Amino acid sequence: MSVNLYHISRSAQPKSRLFTFRNIAVMSWDMLMQQNLAKYKLVM
């Protein structure tokens, strides 16, 4: 049982790491877009 859990956690780890990386990228992209929108509104 513990071996199965170990294998599951090991196989799930890279996916979750990739998922968190994608989340960080999306969050930083959203922040950039919000900053650009704020600058655009200031220009307008």
PDB file of N, CA and C in Angstrom:
ATOM      1  N   MET A   1       0.839  -1.203   0.000  1.00  0.00           N
ATOM      2  CA  MET A   1       0.000   0.000   0.000  1.00  0.00           C
ATOM      3  C   MET A   1       0.874   1.253   0.000  1.00  0.00           C
ATOM      4  N   SER A   2       1.829   1.307   0.908  1.00  0.00           N
ATOM      5  CA  SER A   2       2.690   2.489   0.991  1.00  0.00           C
ATOM      6  C   SER A   2       3.515   2.648  -0.289  1.00  0.00           C
ATOM      7  N   VAL A   3       3.884   1.519  -0.901  1.00  0.00           N
ATOM      8  CA  VAL A   3       4.647   1.587  -2.152  1.00  0.00           C
ATOM      9  C   VAL A   3       3.780   2.195  -3.249  1.00  0.00           C
ATOM     10  N   ASN A   4       2.496   1.807  -3.286  1.00  0.00           N
ATOM     11  CA  ASN A   4       1.584   2.361  -4.282  1.00  0.00           C
ATOM     12  C   ASN A   4       1.455   3.874  -4.103  1.00  0.00           C
ATOM     13  N   LEU A   5       1.249   4.299  -2.869  1.00  0.00           N
ATOM     14  CA  LEU A   5       1.131   5.730  -2.595  1.00  0.00           C
ATOM     15  C   LEU A   5       2.404   6.458  -3.002  1.00  0.00           C
ATOM     16  N   TYR A   6       3.545   5.826  -2.730  1.00  0.00           N
ATOM     17  CA  TYR A   6       4.829   6.437  -3.078  1.00  0.00           C
ATOM     18  C   TYR A   6       4.926   6.635  -4.588  1.00  0.00           C
ATOM     19  N   HIS A   7       4.540   5.588  -5.341  1.00  0.00           N
ATOM     20  CA  HIS A   7       4.606   5.690  -6.798  1.00  0.00           C
ATOM     21  C   HIS A   7       3.634   6.752  -7.307  1.00  0.00           C
ATOM     22  N   ILE A   8       2.433   6.797  -6.712  1.00  0.00           N
ATOM     23  CA  ILE A   8       1.436   7.778  -7.151  1.00  0.00           C
ATOM     24  C   ILE A   8       1.958   9.193  -6.900  1.00  0.00           C
ATOM     25  N   SER A   9       2.509   9.418  -5.698  1.00  0.00           N
ATOM     26  CA  SER A   9       3.004  10.757  -5.372  1.00  0.00           C
ATOM     27  C   SER A   9       4.172  11.128  -6.284  1.00  0.00           C
ATOM     28  N   ARG A  10       5.019  10.137  -6.594  1.00  0.00           N
ATOM     29  CA  ARG A  10       6.167  10.426  -7.470  1.00  0.00           C
ATOM     30  C   ARG A  10       5.712  10.761  -8.881  1.00  0.00           C
ATOM     31  N   SER A  11       4.701  10.049  -9.376  1.00  0.00           N
ATOM     32  CA  SER A  11       4.229  10.301 -10.739  1.00  0.00           C
ATOM     33  C   SER A  11       3.447  11.610 -10.798  1.00  0.00           C
ATOM     34  N   ALA A  12       2.823  11.998  -9.684  1.00  0.00           N
ATOM     35  CA  ALA A  12       2.008  13.213  -9.672  1.00  0.00           C
ATOM     36  C   ALA A  12       2.857  14.459  -9.443  1.00  0.00           C
ATOM     37  N   GLN A  13       4.056  14.284  -8.894  1.00  0.00           N
ATOM     38  CA  GLN A  13       4.882  15.443  -8.540  1.00  0.00           C
ATOM     39  C   GLN A  13       5.237  16.325  -9.743  1.00  0.00           C
ATOM     40  N   PRO A  14       5.784  15.778 -10.832  1.00  0.00           N
ATOM     41  CA  PRO A  14       6.158  16.639 -11.957  1.00  0.00           C
ATOM     42  C   PRO A  14       4.962  17.384 -12.533  1.00  0.00           C
ATOM     43  N   LYS A  15       3.808  16.715 -12.575  1.00  0.00           N
ATOM     44  CA  LYS A  15       2.610  17.377 -13.104  1.00  0.00           C
ATOM     45  C   LYS A  15       2.237  18.570 -12.237  1.00  0.00           C
ATOM     46  N   SER A  16       2.248  18.373 -10.916  1.00  0.00           N
ATOM     47  CA  SER A  16       1.879  19.468 -10.023  1.00  0.00           C
ATOM     48  C   SER A  16       2.901  20.597 -10.126  1.00  0.00           C
ATOM     49  N   ARG A  17       4.184  20.230 -10.291  1.00  0.00           N
ATOM     50  CA  ARG A  17       5.217  21.260 -10.438  1.00  0.00           C
ATOM     51  C   ARG A  17       4.947  22.069 -11.703  1.00  0.00           C
ATOM     52  N   LEU A  18       4.632  21.371 -12.797  1.00  0.00           N
ATOM     53  CA  LEU A  18       4.315  22.045 -14.047  1.00  0.00           C
ATOM     54  C   LEU A  18       3.070  22.907 -13.874  1.00  0.00           C
ATOM     55  N   PHE A  19       2.096  22.387 -13.124  1.00  0.00           N
ATOM     56  CA  PHE A  19       0.844  23.116 -12.903  1.00  0.00           C
ATOM     57  C   PHE A  19       1.105  24.402 -12.131  1.00  0.00           C
ATOM     58  N   THR A  20       1.927  24.310 -11.076  1.00  0.00           N
ATOM     59  CA  THR A  20       2.225  25.506 -10.292  1.00  0.00           C
ATOM     60  C   THR A  20       3.006  26.509 -11.143  1.00  0.00           C
ATOM     61  N   PHE A  21       3.921  26.011 -11.977  1.00  0.00           N
ATOM     62  CA  PHE A  21       4.673  26.901 -12.855  1.00  0.00           C
ATOM     63  C   PHE A  21       3.723  27.623 -13.807  1.00  0.00           C
ATOM     64  N   ARG A  22       2.736  26.892 -14.347  1.00  0.00           N
ATOM     65  CA  ARG A  22       1.768  27.489 -15.262  1.00  0.00           C
ATOM     66  C   ARG A  22       0.930  28.528 -14.524  1.00  0.00           C
ATOM     67  N   ASN A  23       0.546  28.210 -13.287  1.00  0.00           N
ATOM     68  CA  ASN A  23      -0.240  29.159 -12.499  1.00  0.00           C
ATOM     69  C   ASN A  23       0.544  30.444 -12.267  1.00  0.00           C
ATOM     70  N   ILE A  24       1.833  30.305 -11.937  1.00  0.00           N
ATOM     71  CA  ILE A  24       2.677  31.486 -11.705  1.00  0.00           C
ATOM     72  C   ILE A  24       2.776  32.309 -12.987  1.00  0.00           C
ATOM     73  N   ALA A  25       2.941  31.618 -14.122  1.00  0.00           N
ATOM     74  CA  ALA A  25       3.050  32.326 -15.400  1.00  0.00           C
ATOM     75  C   ALA A  25       1.761  33.072 -15.705  1.00  0.00           C
ATOM     76  N   VAL A  26       0.628  32.424 -15.472  1.00  0.00           N
ATOM     77  CA  VAL A  26      -0.670  33.066 -15.739  1.00  0.00           C
ATOM     78  C   VAL A  26      -0.871  34.256 -14.812  1.00  0.00           C
ATOM     79  N   MET A  27      -0.496  34.090 -13.534  1.00  0.00           N
ATOM     80  CA  MET A  27      -0.670  35.178 -12.579  1.00  0.00           C
ATOM     81  C   MET A  27       0.198  36.374 -12.951  1.00  0.00           C
ATOM     82  N   SER A  28       1.462  36.124 -13.307  1.00  0.00           N
ATOM     83  CA  SER A  28       2.355  37.223 -13.680  1.00  0.00           C
ATOM     84  C   SER A  28       1.862  37.888 -14.965  1.00  0.00           C
ATOM     85  N   TRP A  29       1.324  37.080 -15.896  1.00  0.00           N
ATOM     86  CA  TRP A  29       0.781  37.631 -17.141  1.00  0.00           C
ATOM     87  C   TRP A  29      -0.410  38.529 -16.839  1.00  0.00           C
ATOM     88  N   ASP A  30      -1.295  38.073 -15.926  1.00  0.00           N
ATOM     89  CA  ASP A  30      -2.447  38.888 -15.535  1.00  0.00           C
ATOM     90  C   ASP A  30      -1.985  40.207 -14.929  1.00  0.00           C
ATOM     91  N   MET A  31      -0.948  40.149 -14.077  1.00  0.00           N
ATOM     92  CA  MET A  31      -0.440  41.371 -13.460  1.00  0.00           C
ATOM     93  C   MET A  31       0.105  42.319 -14.523  1.00  0.00           C
ATOM     94  N   LEU A  32       0.836  41.781 -15.494  1.00  0.00           N
ATOM     95  CA  LEU A  32       1.373  42.611 -16.575  1.00  0.00           C
ATOM     96  C   LEU A  32       0.242  43.256 -17.361  1.00  0.00           C
ATOM     97  N   MET A  33      -0.789  42.464 -17.665  1.00  0.00           N
ATOM     98  CA  MET A  33      -1.916  42.995 -18.435  1.00  0.00           C
ATOM     99  C   MET A  33      -2.624  44.098 -17.656  1.00  0.00           C
ATOM    100  N   GLN A  34      -2.791  43.906 -16.350  1.00  0.00           N
ATOM    101  CA  GLN A  34      -3.456  44.923 -15.537  1.00  0.00           C
ATOM    102  C   GLN A  34      -2.634  46.205 -15.511  1.00  0.00           C
ATOM    103  N   GLN A  35      -1.309  46.067 -15.406  1.00  0.00           N
ATOM    104  CA  GLN A  35      -0.439  47.246 -15.406  1.00  0.00           C
ATOM    105  C   GLN A  35      -0.544  47.972 -16.745  1.00  0.00           C
ATOM    106  N   ASN A  36      -0.536  47.197 -17.845  1.00  0.00           N
ATOM    107  CA  ASN A  36      -0.640  47.802 -19.172  1.00  0.00           C
ATOM    108  C   ASN A  36      -1.982  48.497 -19.334  1.00  0.00           C
ATOM    109  N   LEU A  37      -3.055  47.871 -18.833  1.00  0.00           N
ATOM    110  CA  LEU A  37      -4.376  48.488 -18.917  1.00  0.00           C
ATOM    111  C   LEU A  37      -4.406  49.788 -18.120  1.00  0.00           C
ATOM    112  N   ALA A  38      -3.775  49.797 -16.951  1.00  0.00           N
ATOM    113  CA  ALA A  38      -3.733  51.005 -16.128  1.00  0.00           C
ATOM    114  C   ALA A  38      -2.985  52.115 -16.862  1.00  0.00           C
ATOM    115  N   LYS A  39      -1.851  51.788 -17.473  1.00  0.00           N
ATOM    116  CA  LYS A  39      -1.087  52.782 -18.235  1.00  0.00           C
ATOM    117  C   LYS A  39      -1.917  53.282 -19.410  1.00  0.00           C
ATOM    118  N   TYR A  40      -2.604  52.351 -20.077  1.00  0.00           N
ATOM    119  CA  TYR A  40      -3.416  52.716 -21.234  1.00  0.00           C
ATOM    120  C   TYR A  40      -4.531  53.673 -20.824  1.00  0.00           C
ATOM    121  N   LYS A  41      -5.162  53.392 -19.675  1.00  0.00           N
ATOM    122  CA  LYS A  41      -6.227  54.272 -19.193  1.00  0.00           C
ATOM    123  C   LYS A  41      -5.667  55.639 -18.824  1.00  0.00           C
ATOM    124  N   LEU A  42      -4.454  55.653 -18.246  1.00  0.00           N
ATOM    125  CA  LEU A  42      -3.830  56.928 -17.904  1.00  0.00           C
ATOM    126  C   LEU A  42      -3.551  57.730 -19.172  1.00  0.00           C
ATOM    127  N   VAL A  43      -3.107  57.048 -20.220  1.00  0.00           N
ATOM    128  CA  VAL A  43      -2.823  57.727 -21.484  1.00  0.00           C
ATOM    129  C   VAL A  43      -4.121  58.259 -22.084  1.00  0.00           C
ATOM    130  N   MET A  44      -5.160  57.458 -22.014  1.00  0.00           N
ATOM    131  CA  MET A  44      -6.449  57.897 -22.551  1.00  0.00           C
ATOM    132  C   MET A  44      -6.979  59.056 -21.700  1.00  0.00           C
TER     133      MET A  44
END
